Amino acid sequence: AAPERVAAVATDVRTHWAAPWILPVTQAGVMEIQPNHTFQPAALVLFSPWVDLGLAALGARPPGEVVLTKAWLRTCAGHYLAGHPAEDPLASPVGADLRGLPPTLIQVGSDELLLTDARRLRVALQAGGVAAELQEFPRRWHVFQQNAGTLADADLALDVAAAFIVSHTGAAPEAL
């Protein structure tokens, strides 16, 4: 499909895996958006993004968080980074120059450990001139959207994400 008809959707740490093809690296190692890059999606949808592997702004674990713990995040970050600096924008995209990214929808639960990451990402995107919308779902945990079909908020979140994708790609709703 043509890039203008594609939306990239990622959850938690997968946000980092998407960064290299959304945010190309120049020979100097500095990230920059290139308008003629081989792939630039029409929209981004991020569920519970983990965008700071340095865990700089990680707060206390909310009482409703049933998936993540700080210790587990620290362990995962250590394995993922394998000695690489957490400050590298490819590891922690919240610190990148995000200018030129497509419109972005971020969904997060209010009772999840990565709530602060989602809020910081929206601020960073907007500072880069990116149209970014943050939706916080009350009393929901990390990637609660996985409970679609059994949790009304998950169904609603996916419906909203699908509408966002359709509005930016022109895709037929039944194709999603």
N, C-alpha and C. Protein backbone atom coordinates (compact mmCIF):
# COMPACT_ATOMS: atom_id res chain seq x y z
N ALA A 1 0.84 -1.19 0.00
CA ALA A 1 0.00 0.00 0.00
C ALA A 1 0.88 1.24 0.00
N ALA A 2 0.35 2.30 -0.55
CA ALA A 2 1.06 3.58 -0.55
C ALA A 2 1.14 4.10 0.88
N PRO A 3 2.26 4.72 1.26
CA PRO A 3 2.43 5.19 2.64
C PRO A 3 1.29 6.07 3.13
N GLU A 4 0.71 6.86 2.23
CA GLU A 4 -0.39 7.73 2.67
C GLU A 4 -1.65 6.95 3.02
N ARG A 5 -1.63 5.65 2.79
CA ARG A 5 -2.77 4.80 3.12
C ARG A 5 -2.44 3.82 4.24
N VAL A 6 -1.30 4.05 4.91
CA VAL A 6 -0.85 3.14 5.95
C VAL A 6 -0.76 3.88 7.28
N ALA A 7 -1.19 3.22 8.33
CA ALA A 7 -1.01 3.72 9.70
C ALA A 7 -0.12 2.73 10.44
N ALA A 8 0.79 3.23 11.23
CA ALA A 8 1.62 2.37 12.07
C ALA A 8 0.98 2.32 13.45
N VAL A 9 0.84 1.12 13.98
CA VAL A 9 0.24 0.92 15.30
C VAL A 9 1.24 0.13 16.14
N ALA A 10 1.51 0.62 17.36
CA ALA A 10 2.48 -0.05 18.21
C ALA A 10 2.04 0.02 19.67
N THR A 11 2.47 -0.97 20.43
CA THR A 11 2.21 -0.98 21.87
C THR A 11 3.53 -0.92 22.62
N ASP A 12 3.51 -0.41 23.80
CA ASP A 12 4.59 -0.32 24.77
C ASP A 12 5.97 -0.21 24.15
N VAL A 13 6.85 -1.17 24.35
CA VAL A 13 8.23 -1.08 23.88
C VAL A 13 8.32 -1.18 22.36
N ARG A 14 7.32 -1.68 21.73
CA ARG A 14 7.34 -1.75 20.26
C ARG A 14 7.43 -0.37 19.64
N THR A 15 7.12 0.65 20.43
CA THR A 15 7.31 2.03 19.98
C THR A 15 8.77 2.23 19.59
N HIS A 16 9.71 1.62 20.32
CA HIS A 16 11.13 1.75 20.01
C HIS A 16 11.48 1.02 18.73
N TRP A 17 10.88 -0.12 18.53
CA TRP A 17 11.19 -0.90 17.34
C TRP A 17 10.72 -0.18 16.08
N ALA A 18 9.68 0.63 16.20
CA ALA A 18 9.19 1.39 15.06
C ALA A 18 10.05 2.62 14.79
N ALA A 19 10.75 3.12 15.82
CA ALA A 19 11.49 4.37 15.67
C ALA A 19 12.50 4.37 14.52
N PRO A 20 13.27 3.31 14.29
CA PRO A 20 14.26 3.40 13.22
C PRO A 20 13.68 3.60 11.83
N TRP A 21 12.49 3.11 11.54
CA TRP A 21 11.96 3.33 10.21
C TRP A 21 11.08 4.55 10.13
N ILE A 22 10.66 5.07 11.26
CA ILE A 22 9.90 6.32 11.25
C ILE A 22 10.85 7.50 11.40
N LEU A 23 11.91 7.32 12.18
CA LEU A 23 12.88 8.37 12.44
C LEU A 23 14.26 7.94 11.93
N PRO A 24 14.53 8.16 10.65
CA PRO A 24 15.82 7.71 10.12
C PRO A 24 17.00 8.43 10.77
N VAL A 25 18.12 7.74 10.82
CA VAL A 25 19.32 8.28 11.43
C VAL A 25 20.27 8.74 10.33
N THR A 26 20.81 9.93 10.49
CA THR A 26 21.78 10.44 9.52
C THR A 26 23.13 9.78 9.78
N GLN A 27 24.08 10.01 8.90
CA GLN A 27 25.40 9.42 9.09
C GLN A 27 26.06 9.91 10.37
N ALA A 28 25.69 11.10 10.83
CA ALA A 28 26.27 11.63 12.06
C ALA A 28 25.60 11.02 13.29
N GLY A 29 24.59 10.19 13.08
CA GLY A 29 23.90 9.58 14.20
C GLY A 29 22.78 10.44 14.76
N VAL A 30 22.50 11.54 14.09
CA VAL A 30 21.43 12.44 14.54
C VAL A 30 20.16 12.09 13.78
N MET A 31 19.07 11.98 14.52
CA MET A 31 17.82 11.63 13.86
C MET A 31 17.23 12.85 13.18
N GLU A 32 16.71 12.63 11.99
CA GLU A 32 15.99 13.70 11.31
C GLU A 32 14.90 13.08 10.44
N ILE A 33 13.82 13.79 10.33
CA ILE A 33 12.74 13.34 9.46
C ILE A 33 13.10 13.74 8.04
N GLN A 34 12.99 12.81 7.13
CA GLN A 34 13.28 13.07 5.74
C GLN A 34 12.00 12.89 4.94
N PRO A 35 11.50 13.96 4.29
CA PRO A 35 10.23 13.87 3.59
C PRO A 35 10.18 12.77 2.53
N ASN A 36 11.30 12.45 1.93
CA ASN A 36 11.32 11.43 0.89
C ASN A 36 11.85 10.10 1.40
N HIS A 37 11.80 9.93 2.71
CA HIS A 37 12.23 8.67 3.30
C HIS A 37 11.40 7.54 2.69
N THR A 38 11.94 6.35 2.69
CA THR A 38 11.25 5.25 2.03
C THR A 38 9.90 4.92 2.62
N PHE A 39 9.68 5.25 3.89
CA PHE A 39 8.38 4.97 4.47
C PHE A 39 8.03 5.99 5.53
N GLN A 40 6.93 6.64 5.35
CA GLN A 40 6.40 7.57 6.34
C GLN A 40 4.90 7.31 6.41
N PRO A 41 4.42 6.68 7.46
CA PRO A 41 3.00 6.37 7.54
C PRO A 41 2.16 7.64 7.61
N ALA A 42 0.89 7.50 7.28
CA ALA A 42 -0.04 8.63 7.31
C ALA A 42 -0.46 8.96 8.74
N ALA A 43 -0.35 7.99 9.63
CA ALA A 43 -0.77 8.20 11.02
C ALA A 43 -0.07 7.21 11.92
N LEU A 44 0.03 7.58 13.20
CA LEU A 44 0.57 6.68 14.22
C LEU A 44 -0.50 6.50 15.30
N VAL A 45 -0.64 5.27 15.75
CA VAL A 45 -1.50 4.97 16.89
C VAL A 45 -0.62 4.21 17.88
N LEU A 46 -0.51 4.75 19.09
CA LEU A 46 0.36 4.16 20.10
C LEU A 46 -0.45 3.83 21.34
N PHE A 47 -0.44 2.56 21.72
CA PHE A 47 -1.11 2.11 22.93
C PHE A 47 -0.07 1.97 24.02
N SER A 48 -0.24 2.70 25.10
CA SER A 48 0.64 2.59 26.27
C SER A 48 2.12 2.65 25.89
N PRO A 49 2.55 3.72 25.20
CA PRO A 49 3.94 3.75 24.74
C PRO A 49 4.95 3.86 25.87
N TRP A 50 6.04 3.13 25.70
CA TRP A 50 7.18 3.22 26.61
C TRP A 50 8.25 3.94 25.83
N VAL A 51 8.47 5.21 26.13
CA VAL A 51 9.34 6.04 25.30
C VAL A 51 10.55 6.60 26.02
N ASP A 52 10.80 6.13 27.23
CA ASP A 52 11.98 6.56 27.98
C ASP A 52 12.55 5.35 28.71
N LEU A 53 13.52 4.69 28.07
CA LEU A 53 14.10 3.51 28.68
C LEU A 53 15.01 3.84 29.86
N GLY A 54 15.30 5.12 30.04
CA GLY A 54 16.04 5.53 31.22
C GLY A 54 15.15 5.62 32.45
N LEU A 55 13.85 5.50 32.24
CA LEU A 55 12.84 5.50 33.31
C LEU A 55 12.92 6.77 34.15
N ALA A 56 13.31 7.88 33.52
CA ALA A 56 13.55 9.13 34.24
C ALA A 56 12.33 9.68 34.95
N ALA A 57 11.16 9.52 34.39
CA ALA A 57 9.97 10.13 34.98
C ALA A 57 8.98 9.10 35.52
N LEU A 58 9.47 7.89 35.72
CA LEU A 58 8.59 6.84 36.20
C LEU A 58 8.16 7.11 37.63
N GLY A 59 6.86 7.19 37.85
CA GLY A 59 6.34 7.48 39.18
C GLY A 59 6.06 6.20 39.95
N ALA A 60 5.29 6.35 40.99
CA ALA A 60 4.89 5.20 41.80
C ALA A 60 3.92 4.33 41.01
N ARG A 61 3.93 3.06 41.30
CA ARG A 61 3.02 2.13 40.62
C ARG A 61 1.59 2.42 41.08
N PRO A 62 0.71 2.75 40.13
CA PRO A 62 -0.68 3.01 40.50
C PRO A 62 -1.35 1.75 41.02
N PRO A 63 -2.32 1.89 41.90
CA PRO A 63 -2.95 0.72 42.49
C PRO A 63 -3.65 -0.19 41.47
N GLY A 64 -4.08 0.37 40.36
CA GLY A 64 -4.78 -0.44 39.36
C GLY A 64 -3.88 -1.07 38.31
N GLU A 65 -2.57 -0.85 38.39
CA GLU A 65 -1.64 -1.43 37.41
C GLU A 65 -1.49 -2.92 37.70
N VAL A 66 -1.95 -3.75 36.78
CA VAL A 66 -1.92 -5.20 37.00
C VAL A 66 -0.89 -5.90 36.10
N VAL A 67 -0.19 -5.13 35.28
CA VAL A 67 0.72 -5.75 34.31
C VAL A 67 2.18 -5.45 34.60
N LEU A 68 2.52 -4.18 34.82
CA LEU A 68 3.92 -3.76 34.91
C LEU A 68 4.36 -3.48 36.34
N THR A 69 5.67 -3.70 36.58
CA THR A 69 6.31 -3.26 37.82
C THR A 69 7.58 -2.51 37.43
N LYS A 70 8.05 -1.65 38.33
CA LYS A 70 9.29 -0.92 38.07
C LYS A 70 10.46 -1.88 37.89
N ALA A 71 10.53 -2.89 38.73
CA ALA A 71 11.64 -3.84 38.64
C ALA A 71 11.65 -4.54 37.28
N TRP A 72 10.49 -4.93 36.81
CA TRP A 72 10.41 -5.61 35.52
C TRP A 72 10.83 -4.66 34.39
N LEU A 73 10.38 -3.39 34.46
CA LEU A 73 10.77 -2.41 33.44
C LEU A 73 12.27 -2.19 33.45
N ARG A 74 12.87 -2.08 34.65
CA ARG A 74 14.33 -1.90 34.73
C ARG A 74 15.06 -3.08 34.09
N THR A 75 14.60 -4.29 34.39
CA THR A 75 15.23 -5.49 33.83
C THR A 75 15.09 -5.50 32.31
N CYS A 76 13.89 -5.23 31.81
CA CYS A 76 13.67 -5.21 30.36
C CYS A 76 14.51 -4.14 29.68
N ALA A 77 14.57 -2.95 30.28
CA ALA A 77 15.36 -1.87 29.69
C ALA A 77 16.84 -2.28 29.63
N GLY A 78 17.32 -2.91 30.68
CA GLY A 78 18.71 -3.36 30.70
C GLY A 78 19.01 -4.36 29.60
N HIS A 79 18.12 -5.31 29.40
CA HIS A 79 18.31 -6.30 28.33
C HIS A 79 18.21 -5.65 26.96
N TYR A 80 17.24 -4.78 26.79
CA TYR A 80 17.03 -4.13 25.49
C TYR A 80 18.22 -3.25 25.13
N LEU A 81 18.69 -2.47 26.11
CA LEU A 81 19.79 -1.55 25.85
C LEU A 81 21.13 -2.26 25.73
N ALA A 82 21.34 -3.31 26.49
CA ALA A 82 22.59 -4.08 26.45
C ALA A 82 23.82 -3.18 26.47
N GLY A 83 23.82 -2.21 27.39
CA GLY A 83 24.96 -1.31 27.53
C GLY A 83 24.86 -0.04 26.71
N HIS A 84 23.91 0.03 25.80
CA HIS A 84 23.71 1.23 24.98
C HIS A 84 23.09 2.33 25.85
N PRO A 85 23.43 3.59 25.63
CA PRO A 85 22.88 4.65 26.48
C PRO A 85 21.37 4.81 26.30
N ALA A 86 20.68 4.89 27.41
CA ALA A 86 19.22 5.07 27.38
C ALA A 86 18.83 6.42 26.79
N GLU A 87 19.75 7.38 26.80
CA GLU A 87 19.46 8.71 26.30
C GLU A 87 19.41 8.76 24.77
N ASP A 88 19.90 7.74 24.09
CA ASP A 88 19.86 7.70 22.63
C ASP A 88 18.40 7.81 22.19
N PRO A 89 18.09 8.75 21.30
CA PRO A 89 16.70 8.93 20.87
C PRO A 89 16.08 7.69 20.23
N LEU A 90 16.88 6.79 19.71
CA LEU A 90 16.30 5.56 19.17
C LEU A 90 15.87 4.62 20.29
N ALA A 91 16.44 4.80 21.47
CA ALA A 91 16.03 4.00 22.63
C ALA A 91 14.95 4.72 23.44
N SER A 92 15.03 6.02 23.45
CA SER A 92 14.08 6.84 24.21
C SER A 92 13.55 7.95 23.30
N PRO A 93 12.60 7.61 22.43
CA PRO A 93 12.14 8.58 21.43
C PRO A 93 11.54 9.85 22.01
N VAL A 94 11.20 9.88 23.29
CA VAL A 94 10.65 11.10 23.88
C VAL A 94 11.69 12.22 23.83
N GLY A 95 12.97 11.87 23.71
CA GLY A 95 14.02 12.87 23.63
C GLY A 95 14.44 13.21 22.22
N ALA A 96 13.77 12.65 21.24
CA ALA A 96 14.12 12.88 19.84
C ALA A 96 13.49 14.17 19.31
N ASP A 97 14.00 14.62 18.19
CA ASP A 97 13.37 15.70 17.45
C ASP A 97 12.24 15.05 16.66
N LEU A 98 11.03 15.27 17.05
CA LEU A 98 9.89 14.56 16.47
C LEU A 98 9.19 15.33 15.35
N ARG A 99 9.78 16.45 14.93
CA ARG A 99 9.18 17.22 13.84
C ARG A 99 9.01 16.35 12.61
N GLY A 100 7.88 16.53 11.95
CA GLY A 100 7.64 15.81 10.71
C GLY A 100 6.92 14.49 10.86
N LEU A 101 6.69 14.06 12.09
CA LEU A 101 5.94 12.82 12.26
C LEU A 101 4.49 13.03 11.88
N PRO A 102 3.81 11.98 11.50
CA PRO A 102 2.41 12.11 11.11
C PRO A 102 1.51 12.31 12.34
N PRO A 103 0.25 12.66 12.12
CA PRO A 103 -0.69 12.78 13.23
C PRO A 103 -0.65 11.51 14.08
N THR A 104 -0.70 11.72 15.40
CA THR A 104 -0.51 10.60 16.33
C THR A 104 -1.62 10.56 17.38
N LEU A 105 -2.15 9.37 17.58
CA LEU A 105 -3.11 9.11 18.64
C LEU A 105 -2.41 8.25 19.68
N ILE A 106 -2.44 8.69 20.93
CA ILE A 106 -1.85 7.94 22.04
C ILE A 106 -2.99 7.56 22.98
N GLN A 107 -3.08 6.29 23.32
CA GLN A 107 -4.06 5.83 24.30
C GLN A 107 -3.33 5.18 25.46
N VAL A 108 -3.81 5.50 26.67
CA VAL A 108 -3.17 5.01 27.88
C VAL A 108 -4.23 4.90 28.98
N GLY A 109 -4.00 3.98 29.90
CA GLY A 109 -4.87 3.87 31.06
C GLY A 109 -4.39 4.78 32.17
N SER A 110 -5.32 5.31 32.96
CA SER A 110 -4.92 6.19 34.07
C SER A 110 -4.24 5.42 35.20
N ASP A 111 -4.43 4.11 35.23
CA ASP A 111 -3.83 3.29 36.29
C ASP A 111 -2.64 2.48 35.77
N GLU A 112 -1.89 3.06 34.87
CA GLU A 112 -0.72 2.31 34.41
C GLU A 112 0.56 3.05 34.66
N LEU A 113 1.60 2.28 34.84
CA LEU A 113 2.92 2.79 35.18
C LEU A 113 3.49 3.72 34.10
N LEU A 114 3.11 3.53 32.85
CA LEU A 114 3.66 4.32 31.76
C LEU A 114 2.81 5.55 31.42
N LEU A 115 1.90 5.92 32.27
CA LEU A 115 1.06 7.10 32.03
C LEU A 115 1.92 8.34 31.81
N THR A 116 2.94 8.52 32.63
CA THR A 116 3.81 9.69 32.48
C THR A 116 4.53 9.68 31.14
N ASP A 117 4.97 8.51 30.68
CA ASP A 117 5.61 8.43 29.36
C ASP A 117 4.65 8.91 28.27
N ALA A 118 3.40 8.49 28.35
CA ALA A 118 2.42 8.89 27.33
C ALA A 118 2.22 10.40 27.35
N ARG A 119 2.11 10.95 28.53
CA ARG A 119 1.93 12.41 28.64
C ARG A 119 3.16 13.16 28.12
N ARG A 120 4.34 12.69 28.46
CA ARG A 120 5.57 13.34 27.99
C ARG A 120 5.69 13.25 26.48
N LEU A 121 5.29 12.12 25.92
CA LEU A 121 5.36 11.96 24.47
C LEU A 121 4.43 12.94 23.78
N ARG A 122 3.21 13.09 24.29
CA ARG A 122 2.30 14.06 23.67
C ARG A 122 2.92 15.45 23.68
N VAL A 123 3.50 15.86 24.80
CA VAL A 123 4.12 17.18 24.90
C VAL A 123 5.26 17.30 23.88
N ALA A 124 6.09 16.27 23.78
CA ALA A 124 7.22 16.30 22.84
C ALA A 124 6.73 16.35 21.39
N LEU A 125 5.71 15.60 21.08
CA LEU A 125 5.15 15.63 19.72
C LEU A 125 4.60 17.02 19.40
N GLN A 126 3.82 17.57 20.31
CA GLN A 126 3.25 18.89 20.07
C GLN A 126 4.33 19.96 19.97
N ALA A 127 5.40 19.83 20.75
CA ALA A 127 6.51 20.78 20.67
C ALA A 127 7.18 20.71 19.30
N GLY A 128 7.10 19.54 18.66
CA GLY A 128 7.65 19.37 17.32
C GLY A 128 6.66 19.71 16.22
N GLY A 129 5.51 20.24 16.60
CA GLY A 129 4.53 20.64 15.61
C GLY A 129 3.67 19.50 15.09
N VAL A 130 3.69 18.37 15.78
CA VAL A 130 2.93 17.20 15.35
C VAL A 130 1.54 17.25 15.98
N ALA A 131 0.52 16.98 15.20
CA ALA A 131 -0.83 16.87 15.74
C ALA A 131 -0.88 15.59 16.57
N ALA A 132 -1.02 15.76 17.88
CA ALA A 132 -0.99 14.61 18.79
C ALA A 132 -2.17 14.68 19.74
N GLU A 133 -2.86 13.57 19.85
CA GLU A 133 -4.00 13.47 20.75
C GLU A 133 -3.70 12.39 21.78
N LEU A 134 -3.92 12.73 23.05
CA LEU A 134 -3.74 11.77 24.14
C LEU A 134 -5.10 11.46 24.74
N GLN A 135 -5.43 10.17 24.80
CA GLN A 135 -6.67 9.74 25.43
C GLN A 135 -6.30 8.89 26.65
N GLU A 136 -6.75 9.35 27.81
CA GLU A 136 -6.53 8.62 29.06
C GLU A 136 -7.84 7.97 29.48
N PHE A 137 -7.79 6.67 29.67
CA PHE A 137 -8.98 5.92 30.07
C PHE A 137 -8.93 5.66 31.57
N PRO A 138 -9.92 6.18 32.31
CA PRO A 138 -9.92 6.04 33.77
C PRO A 138 -9.92 4.59 34.24
N ARG A 139 -9.13 4.34 35.28
CA ARG A 139 -9.08 3.04 35.95
C ARG A 139 -8.71 1.89 34.99
N ARG A 140 -7.89 2.17 34.03
CA ARG A 140 -7.44 1.13 33.10
C ARG A 140 -5.94 0.96 33.22
N TRP A 141 -5.48 -0.24 32.92
CA TRP A 141 -4.10 -0.67 33.10
C TRP A 141 -3.37 -0.71 31.76
N HIS A 142 -2.13 -1.16 31.81
CA HIS A 142 -1.25 -1.22 30.64
C HIS A 142 -1.86 -2.07 29.52
N VAL A 143 -1.95 -1.46 28.35
CA VAL A 143 -2.48 -2.09 27.12
C VAL A 143 -3.82 -2.80 27.40
N PHE A 144 -4.71 -2.09 28.04
CA PHE A 144 -6.04 -2.63 28.33
C PHE A 144 -6.81 -2.95 27.06
N GLN A 145 -6.40 -2.38 25.93
CA GLN A 145 -7.07 -2.62 24.65
C GLN A 145 -7.05 -4.09 24.27
N GLN A 146 -6.14 -4.86 24.85
CA GLN A 146 -6.08 -6.30 24.58
C GLN A 146 -7.33 -7.03 25.05
N ASN A 147 -8.12 -6.37 25.87
CA ASN A 147 -9.32 -6.99 26.42
C ASN A 147 -10.57 -6.67 25.60
N ALA A 148 -10.38 -6.30 24.35
CA ALA A 148 -11.53 -6.04 23.47
C ALA A 148 -12.39 -7.29 23.40
N GLY A 149 -13.69 -7.05 23.38
CA GLY A 149 -14.63 -8.16 23.35
C GLY A 149 -15.13 -8.53 24.73
N THR A 150 -14.36 -8.13 25.77
CA THR A 150 -14.80 -8.41 27.15
C THR A 150 -14.84 -7.16 28.01
N LEU A 151 -14.21 -6.08 27.56
CA LEU A 151 -14.14 -4.85 28.33
C LEU A 151 -14.65 -3.71 27.43
N ALA A 152 -15.72 -3.05 27.85
CA ALA A 152 -16.34 -2.00 27.04
C ALA A 152 -15.34 -0.89 26.68
N ASP A 153 -14.48 -0.48 27.63
CA ASP A 153 -13.50 0.56 27.34
C ASP A 153 -12.50 0.12 26.27
N ALA A 154 -12.16 -1.14 26.25
CA ALA A 154 -11.24 -1.64 25.23
C ALA A 154 -11.91 -1.58 23.86
N ASP A 155 -13.18 -1.96 23.80
CA ASP A 155 -13.92 -1.86 22.54
C ASP A 155 -13.98 -0.41 22.07
N LEU A 156 -14.30 0.50 22.99
CA LEU A 156 -14.37 1.91 22.66
C LEU A 156 -13.02 2.42 22.17
N ALA A 157 -11.94 2.07 22.88
CA ALA A 157 -10.61 2.53 22.50
C ALA A 157 -10.25 2.07 21.08
N LEU A 158 -10.55 0.82 20.76
CA LEU A 158 -10.23 0.32 19.42
C LEU A 158 -11.12 0.96 18.36
N ASP A 159 -12.37 1.23 18.70
CA ASP A 159 -13.25 1.94 17.76
C ASP A 159 -12.71 3.34 17.46
N VAL A 160 -12.26 4.03 18.50
CA VAL A 160 -11.70 5.37 18.32
C VAL A 160 -10.41 5.30 17.50
N ALA A 161 -9.56 4.31 17.79
CA ALA A 161 -8.31 4.15 17.02
C ALA A 161 -8.62 3.85 15.55
N ALA A 162 -9.62 3.01 15.31
CA ALA A 162 -9.99 2.70 13.92
C ALA A 162 -10.50 3.94 13.21
N ALA A 163 -11.32 4.74 13.88
CA ALA A 163 -11.82 5.97 13.27
C ALA A 163 -10.68 6.94 12.97
N PHE A 164 -9.68 7.00 13.87
CA PHE A 164 -8.51 7.85 13.65
C PHE A 164 -7.75 7.40 12.41
N ILE A 165 -7.55 6.10 12.30
CA ILE A 165 -6.85 5.55 11.14
C ILE A 165 -7.61 5.86 9.86
N VAL A 166 -8.91 5.62 9.86
CA VAL A 166 -9.73 5.89 8.67
C VAL A 166 -9.65 7.36 8.29
N SER A 167 -9.70 8.24 9.29
CA SER A 167 -9.69 9.68 8.99
C SER A 167 -8.37 10.14 8.38
N HIS A 168 -7.30 9.42 8.64
CA HIS A 168 -5.98 9.85 8.13
C HIS A 168 -5.49 9.04 6.93
N THR A 169 -6.11 7.92 6.67
CA THR A 169 -5.64 7.08 5.56
C THR A 169 -6.68 6.95 4.45
N GLY A 170 -7.91 7.25 4.77
CA GLY A 170 -8.98 7.05 3.79
C GLY A 170 -9.36 5.60 3.63
N ALA A 171 -8.85 4.73 4.49
CA ALA A 171 -9.16 3.32 4.41
C ALA A 171 -10.65 3.10 4.69
N ALA A 172 -11.21 2.11 4.07
CA ALA A 172 -12.60 1.77 4.34
C ALA A 172 -12.67 1.14 5.73
N PRO A 173 -13.63 1.58 6.57
CA PRO A 173 -13.72 1.03 7.94
C PRO A 173 -13.78 -0.48 7.97
N GLU A 174 -14.44 -1.10 7.01
CA GLU A 174 -14.53 -2.56 7.02
C GLU A 174 -13.21 -3.24 6.71
N ALA A 175 -12.24 -2.48 6.21
CA ALA A 175 -10.93 -3.05 5.90
C ALA A 175 -10.05 -3.16 7.15
N LEU A 176 -10.48 -2.52 8.22
CA LEU A 176 -9.67 -2.55 9.44
C LEU A 176 -9.95 -3.75 10.29
